[in-house]
Amino acid sequence: MAAITAGMVGELRAKTDAPMMECKKALTEADGDMVRAEEILRVKLGNKAGKAASRITAEGVIAITAAGTTGAMIEVNCETDFVSKNDSFLDFTKNLAGLIAEANPADVAALSALPLSQEGFGPTVEDVRKGLIGKIGENVAIRRFKRFAGDQQLATYLHGTRIGVVVEFTGDAVAAKDVAMHVAAMKPVAVSSANVPAELVEKERKIAAEKAAEDAAAATAAGKPVQSAEIVAKRVEGSVQKFLKEVSLFNQAFVKNDKQSVEQMLKAANTQVAGFTMYIVGEGIEKKVDDFAAEVAAQVAAAKGA
């Protein structure tokens, strides 16, 4: 059985907003597996366990550049929020976005080898990065980027420096900009239900099935009638369809007018959206959580041995 630390409980609570004791129980049941613990909380608490999933702990910024049908978006990470506001760090990120749009590097390694000079550092991106690390005193990492080029127009939106969205479209630029802002607010995972990744659909189906099984067990224990397998299957599929509607852009209620869907708004504006890309700073990065008590104990032990 894995040891469940206060740090693990705190991390799960930050991700899910679930009560501390529920987080501890879920981690215990999952033997310390954070992903499985989140699923257990979803089964027990429903969507309440997912409302804080957008809280991201890693630091850094998103930068976007776009001109016509060509553009780029990049995420560069640092260690603290303080450095994410540093002018040198911000200039570096903006310079990289422009370089990506112009030079079309294949990956981070290719980008790092491109020529760049900033504040006396250079002659490559990697040399500038290393120079800034020495100047700022924190690690700086180029995490990911995407270049856009083709026959689609680009609408962009930056929410501060932590959320960036690029929408590829044809039609009305104002409507497309509204879609970019909508994506930043509502965070869909795909343009349409058909484009939602299969693994997400199956995960939601699994959660709905576990919830149905838990409800059936509770009904049996209370001496109440248990729903037939056919009704349970319809309930599970209904939950999946509800999930698809919630996470697909076209099906979501438009943030500026919840009486119409995004798809209806776009149709009225004679605008077509081919796709969107959203970056959230630190998305998917697990920030190191220090066990302060263990650290102090280790220091005391080291002092005694000195």
Protein backbone atom coordinates (compact mmCIF):
# COMPACT_ATOMS: atom_id res chain seq x y z
CA MET A 1 0.00 0.00 0.00
CA ALA A 2 1.43 3.36 -1.08
CA ALA A 3 1.90 6.01 1.60
CA ILE A 4 -0.63 8.83 1.17
CA THR A 5 1.04 12.11 2.06
CA ALA A 6 -0.55 15.46 2.87
CA GLY A 7 1.06 16.81 -0.29
CA MET A 8 -0.70 14.20 -2.44
CA VAL A 9 -4.05 14.99 -0.80
CA GLY A 10 -3.49 18.72 -1.32
CA GLU A 11 -2.58 18.20 -4.97
CA LEU A 12 -5.71 16.14 -5.63
CA ARG A 13 -7.87 18.70 -3.85
CA ALA A 14 -6.37 21.50 -5.96
CA LYS A 15 -7.24 19.56 -9.11
CA THR A 16 -10.76 18.56 -8.12
CA ASP A 17 -12.09 20.88 -5.38
CA ALA A 18 -13.26 17.73 -3.56
CA PRO A 19 -13.25 17.69 0.27
CA MET A 20 -9.93 16.75 1.87
CA MET A 21 -11.23 13.51 3.41
CA GLU A 22 -12.77 12.42 0.09
CA CYS A 23 -9.43 13.06 -1.61
CA LYS A 24 -7.61 10.97 1.00
CA LYS A 25 -10.13 8.13 0.66
CA ALA A 26 -9.84 8.18 -3.13
CA LEU A 27 -6.03 8.14 -3.02
CA THR A 28 -6.10 5.27 -0.55
CA GLU A 29 -8.50 3.30 -2.74
CA ALA A 30 -6.34 4.06 -5.79
CA ASP A 31 -3.15 3.07 -3.92
CA GLY A 32 -1.67 6.51 -4.57
CA ASP A 33 -2.45 6.60 -8.33
CA MET A 34 -3.47 10.25 -8.92
CA VAL A 35 -5.24 9.62 -12.24
CA ARG A 36 -7.28 6.73 -10.82
CA ALA A 37 -8.10 8.78 -7.72
CA GLU A 38 -9.56 11.52 -9.93
CA GLU A 39 -11.75 8.91 -11.66
CA ILE A 40 -12.94 7.57 -8.29
CA LEU A 41 -13.91 11.09 -7.21
CA ARG A 42 -15.79 11.62 -10.48
CA VAL A 43 -17.78 8.45 -9.78
CA LYS A 44 -18.56 9.49 -6.20
CA LEU A 45 -19.03 13.22 -6.65
CA GLY A 46 -19.94 13.64 -10.31
CA ASN A 47 -18.86 16.79 -12.16
CA LYS A 48 -18.18 18.59 -8.87
CA ALA A 49 -14.85 16.77 -8.87
CA GLY A 50 -13.76 18.32 -12.15
CA LYS A 51 -14.54 22.00 -11.73
CA ALA A 52 -11.02 22.94 -10.65
CA ALA A 53 -9.24 20.83 -13.25
CA SER A 54 -8.08 23.97 -15.07
CA ARG A 55 -5.91 25.07 -12.14
CA ILE A 56 -2.36 24.85 -13.40
CA THR A 57 0.66 25.19 -11.14
CA ALA A 58 3.62 25.46 -13.56
CA GLU A 59 4.70 28.98 -14.51
CA GLY A 60 5.46 30.62 -17.84
CA VAL A 61 3.79 32.49 -20.69
CA ILE A 62 2.06 32.00 -24.02
CA ALA A 63 2.94 34.24 -26.98
CA ILE A 64 1.14 34.47 -30.34
CA THR A 65 1.94 36.16 -33.62
CA ALA A 66 -0.30 36.18 -36.69
CA ALA A 67 -0.36 37.97 -40.04
CA GLY A 68 -2.88 36.92 -42.64
CA THR A 69 -2.87 33.13 -42.85
CA THR A 70 0.52 32.64 -41.19
CA GLY A 71 1.17 32.63 -37.47
CA ALA A 72 2.61 30.82 -34.48
CA MET A 73 1.86 30.14 -30.82
CA ILE A 74 4.44 29.10 -28.24
CA GLU A 75 4.67 28.24 -24.55
CA VAL A 76 7.87 28.96 -22.63
CA ASN A 77 8.12 27.90 -18.99
CA CYS A 78 9.98 29.23 -15.97
CA GLU A 79 10.03 28.38 -12.28
CA THR A 80 8.14 31.26 -10.65
CA ASP A 81 5.32 33.67 -11.43
CA PHE A 82 7.72 36.54 -10.70
CA VAL A 83 9.96 35.59 -13.64
CA SER A 84 6.94 35.11 -15.93
CA LYS A 85 6.53 38.91 -15.70
CA ASN A 86 10.20 39.65 -16.37
CA ASP A 87 10.69 41.83 -19.48
CA SER A 88 13.66 39.81 -20.76
CA PHE A 89 11.69 36.58 -20.43
CA LEU A 90 8.65 38.10 -22.17
CA ASP A 91 10.78 39.51 -25.00
CA PHE A 92 12.43 36.11 -25.50
CA THR A 93 9.05 34.41 -25.84
CA LYS A 94 7.75 37.02 -28.30
CA ASN A 95 10.94 36.77 -30.36
CA LEU A 96 10.52 33.01 -30.56
CA ALA A 97 6.94 33.29 -31.79
CA GLY A 98 8.06 35.54 -34.64
CA LEU A 99 10.98 33.25 -35.46
CA ILE A 100 8.70 30.21 -35.66
CA ALA A 101 6.29 31.97 -38.04
CA GLU A 102 9.18 33.07 -40.26
CA ALA A 103 11.50 30.05 -40.25
CA ASN A 104 9.10 27.11 -39.73
CA PRO A 105 11.33 24.93 -37.48
CA ALA A 106 10.34 21.27 -37.23
CA ASP A 107 10.59 20.98 -33.44
CA VAL A 108 12.06 22.55 -30.30
CA ALA A 109 15.55 21.25 -31.15
CA ALA A 110 15.40 22.89 -34.59
CA LEU A 111 14.08 26.12 -33.08
CA SER A 112 16.90 26.13 -30.52
CA ALA A 113 19.46 26.00 -33.32
CA LEU A 114 18.07 29.02 -35.21
CA PRO A 115 19.98 32.33 -35.14
CA LEU A 116 18.85 34.84 -32.50
CA SER A 117 20.47 37.69 -30.60
CA GLN A 118 19.01 39.34 -27.51
CA GLU A 119 20.61 41.53 -24.85
CA GLY A 120 24.07 40.58 -26.01
CA PHE A 121 23.34 36.83 -25.91
CA GLY A 122 23.55 34.65 -29.02
CA PRO A 123 24.16 33.72 -31.76
CA THR A 124 21.47 31.00 -31.46
CA VAL A 125 18.18 30.62 -29.60
CA GLU A 126 19.83 28.11 -27.29
CA ASP A 127 22.64 30.54 -26.48
CA VAL A 128 20.08 33.25 -25.65
CA ARG A 129 18.15 30.81 -23.46
CA LYS A 130 21.29 29.88 -21.52
CA GLY A 131 22.26 33.53 -21.21
CA LEU A 132 18.86 34.43 -19.77
CA ILE A 133 19.09 31.56 -17.27
CA GLY A 134 22.32 33.09 -15.97
CA LYS A 135 20.87 36.60 -15.91
CA ILE A 136 17.48 35.77 -14.37
CA GLY A 137 18.63 32.97 -12.09
CA GLU A 138 15.90 30.51 -13.04
CA ASN A 139 15.55 27.71 -15.52
CA VAL A 140 13.89 28.68 -18.81
CA ALA A 141 12.40 25.92 -20.98
CA ILE A 142 10.84 26.05 -24.43
CA ARG A 143 7.99 23.60 -24.01
CA ARG A 144 5.92 23.54 -27.22
CA PHE A 145 4.82 25.54 -30.23
CA LYS A 146 2.60 25.33 -33.30
CA ARG A 147 2.94 27.12 -36.62
CA PHE A 148 -0.07 27.95 -38.77
CA ALA A 149 0.14 28.37 -42.53
CA GLY A 150 -2.41 27.62 -45.24
CA ASP A 151 -5.58 28.99 -46.77
CA GLN A 152 -7.38 29.64 -43.48
CA GLN A 153 -7.50 33.03 -41.79
CA LEU A 154 -6.33 33.23 -38.18
CA ALA A 155 -8.16 34.73 -35.22
CA THR A 156 -6.19 34.94 -31.97
CA TYR A 157 -6.90 35.63 -28.32
CA LEU A 158 -4.61 35.89 -25.32
CA HIS A 159 -6.07 35.85 -21.83
CA GLY A 160 -3.25 37.67 -20.09
CA THR A 161 -0.21 35.55 -20.86
CA ARG A 162 -1.51 32.24 -19.48
CA ILE A 163 -4.12 31.13 -22.04
CA GLY A 164 -3.66 31.41 -25.79
CA VAL A 165 -6.10 30.46 -28.56
CA VAL A 166 -5.72 30.42 -32.35
CA VAL A 167 -8.82 29.79 -34.47
CA GLU A 168 -8.53 28.83 -38.14
CA PHE A 169 -11.51 30.17 -40.07
CA THR A 170 -13.06 31.61 -43.21
CA GLY A 171 -15.67 34.34 -43.03
CA ASP A 172 -16.23 37.10 -40.48
CA ALA A 173 -13.21 38.10 -38.40
CA VAL A 174 -15.32 39.44 -35.51
CA ALA A 175 -17.24 36.17 -35.19
CA ALA A 176 -13.98 34.21 -35.28
CA LYS A 177 -12.46 36.44 -32.58
CA ASP A 178 -15.56 35.77 -30.46
CA VAL A 179 -15.00 32.04 -30.94
CA ALA A 180 -11.38 32.40 -29.79
CA MET A 181 -12.57 34.16 -26.62
CA HIS A 182 -15.26 31.49 -26.15
CA VAL A 183 -12.66 28.71 -26.39
CA ALA A 184 -10.51 30.39 -23.74
CA ALA A 185 -13.52 30.64 -21.42
CA MET A 186 -15.23 27.29 -22.01
CA LYS A 187 -12.22 25.14 -22.97
CA PRO A 188 -13.78 22.69 -25.45
CA VAL A 189 -11.62 19.72 -26.42
CA ALA A 190 -12.73 19.44 -30.05
CA VAL A 191 -14.62 21.32 -32.77
CA SER A 192 -17.46 18.78 -32.94
CA SER A 193 -18.62 15.68 -31.06
CA ALA A 194 -17.18 13.49 -33.81
CA ASN A 195 -13.72 14.95 -33.18
CA VAL A 196 -13.57 14.27 -29.43
CA PRO A 197 -10.68 11.83 -28.84
CA ALA A 198 -11.87 8.23 -28.45
CA GLU A 199 -9.90 7.76 -25.23
CA LEU A 200 -11.80 10.62 -23.59
CA VAL A 201 -15.13 9.17 -24.69
CA GLU A 202 -14.24 5.74 -23.33
CA LYS A 203 -13.03 7.23 -20.06
CA GLU A 204 -16.36 9.04 -19.65
CA ARG A 205 -18.27 5.85 -20.53
CA LYS A 206 -16.28 3.96 -17.90
CA ILE A 207 -17.03 6.58 -15.26
CA ALA A 208 -20.75 6.58 -16.14
CA ALA A 209 -20.85 2.76 -15.97
CA GLU A 210 -19.13 2.75 -12.56
CA LYS A 211 -21.57 5.38 -11.32
CA ALA A 212 -24.52 3.28 -12.53
CA ALA A 213 -23.08 0.19 -10.81
CA GLU A 214 -22.61 2.12 -7.58
CA ASP A 215 -26.22 3.37 -7.74
CA ALA A 216 -27.45 -0.19 -8.35
CA ALA A 217 -25.51 -1.46 -5.33
CA ALA A 218 -26.97 1.31 -3.17
CA ALA A 219 -30.48 0.48 -4.36
CA THR A 220 -29.98 -3.21 -3.57
CA ALA A 221 -28.67 -2.41 -0.11
CA ALA A 222 -31.73 -0.22 0.54
CA GLY A 223 -34.12 -2.89 -0.73
CA LYS A 224 -35.22 -0.72 -3.67
CA PRO A 225 -35.88 -1.97 -7.24
CA VAL A 226 -32.80 -2.17 -9.47
CA GLN A 227 -33.05 -0.75 -12.98
CA SER A 228 -32.88 -3.17 -15.89
CA ALA A 229 -29.68 -3.58 -17.90
CA GLU A 230 -31.36 -1.86 -20.85
CA ILE A 231 -32.26 1.22 -18.79
CA VAL A 232 -28.77 1.31 -17.27
CA ALA A 233 -27.21 1.15 -20.74
CA LYS A 234 -29.40 4.07 -21.86
CA ARG A 235 -28.36 6.05 -18.78
CA VAL A 236 -24.69 5.44 -19.51
CA GLU A 237 -25.08 6.45 -23.15
CA GLY A 238 -27.04 9.53 -22.08
CA SER A 239 -24.18 10.56 -19.81
CA VAL A 240 -21.72 10.12 -22.67
CA GLN A 241 -23.83 12.20 -25.05
CA LYS A 242 -24.15 14.94 -22.41
CA PHE A 243 -20.37 14.92 -22.02
CA LEU A 244 -19.86 15.20 -25.79
CA LYS A 245 -22.20 18.17 -25.95
CA GLU A 246 -20.36 19.89 -23.11
CA VAL A 247 -16.86 19.49 -24.57
CA SER A 248 -17.45 20.05 -28.30
CA LEU A 249 -17.19 23.66 -29.51
CA PHE A 250 -20.10 23.65 -31.95
CA ASN A 251 -22.53 22.23 -29.39
CA GLN A 252 -21.61 24.57 -26.53
CA ALA A 253 -23.86 27.49 -25.66
CA PHE A 254 -22.20 30.65 -27.00
CA VAL A 255 -20.78 32.68 -24.10
CA LYS A 256 -22.11 35.99 -25.45
CA ASN A 257 -25.61 34.60 -26.05
CA ASP A 258 -26.51 31.36 -24.31
CA LYS A 259 -29.75 31.17 -26.31
CA GLN A 260 -27.78 29.89 -29.29
CA SER A 261 -24.98 27.40 -29.80
CA VAL A 262 -21.60 28.35 -31.22
CA GLU A 263 -22.55 26.50 -34.41
CA GLN A 264 -25.73 28.58 -34.75
CA MET A 265 -23.82 31.80 -34.14
CA LEU A 266 -21.28 30.93 -36.82
CA LYS A 267 -24.00 30.02 -39.30
CA ALA A 268 -25.71 33.37 -38.73
CA ALA A 269 -22.36 35.11 -39.32
CA ASN A 270 -21.68 33.03 -42.45
CA THR A 271 -18.41 31.87 -40.91
CA GLN A 272 -16.76 28.44 -40.90
CA VAL A 273 -14.28 27.30 -38.26
CA ALA A 274 -11.88 24.60 -39.46
CA GLY A 275 -10.14 24.13 -36.11
CA PHE A 276 -8.71 25.73 -33.01
CA THR A 277 -5.63 25.33 -30.83
CA MET A 278 -5.54 26.29 -27.16
CA TYR A 279 -2.48 26.43 -24.92
CA ILE A 280 -2.76 26.83 -21.16
CA VAL A 281 0.46 27.55 -19.29
CA GLY A 282 1.67 24.43 -17.51
CA GLU A 283 -1.17 22.25 -18.78
CA GLY A 284 -0.32 18.65 -17.98
CA ILE A 285 2.79 19.58 -15.99
CA GLU A 286 2.89 18.37 -12.41
CA LYS A 287 4.71 20.94 -10.32
CA LYS A 288 7.02 19.45 -7.73
CA VAL A 289 5.43 19.44 -4.27
CA ASP A 290 8.05 19.49 -1.55
CA ASP A 291 7.52 17.43 1.61
CA PHE A 292 8.72 20.10 4.05
CA ALA A 293 8.78 17.79 7.07
CA ALA A 294 10.85 15.20 5.23
CA GLU A 295 13.21 17.90 3.97
CA VAL A 296 13.79 19.22 7.51
CA ALA A 297 14.31 15.70 8.85
CA ALA A 298 16.87 15.02 6.13
CA GLN A 299 18.73 18.23 6.94
CA VAL A 300 18.78 17.38 10.67
CA ALA A 301 20.08 13.89 9.92
CA ALA A 302 22.75 15.31 7.66
CA ALA A 303 23.82 17.78 10.36
CA LYS A 304 24.13 15.02 12.93
CA GLY A 305 26.26 12.96 10.58
CA ALA A 306 28.57 15.88 9.78
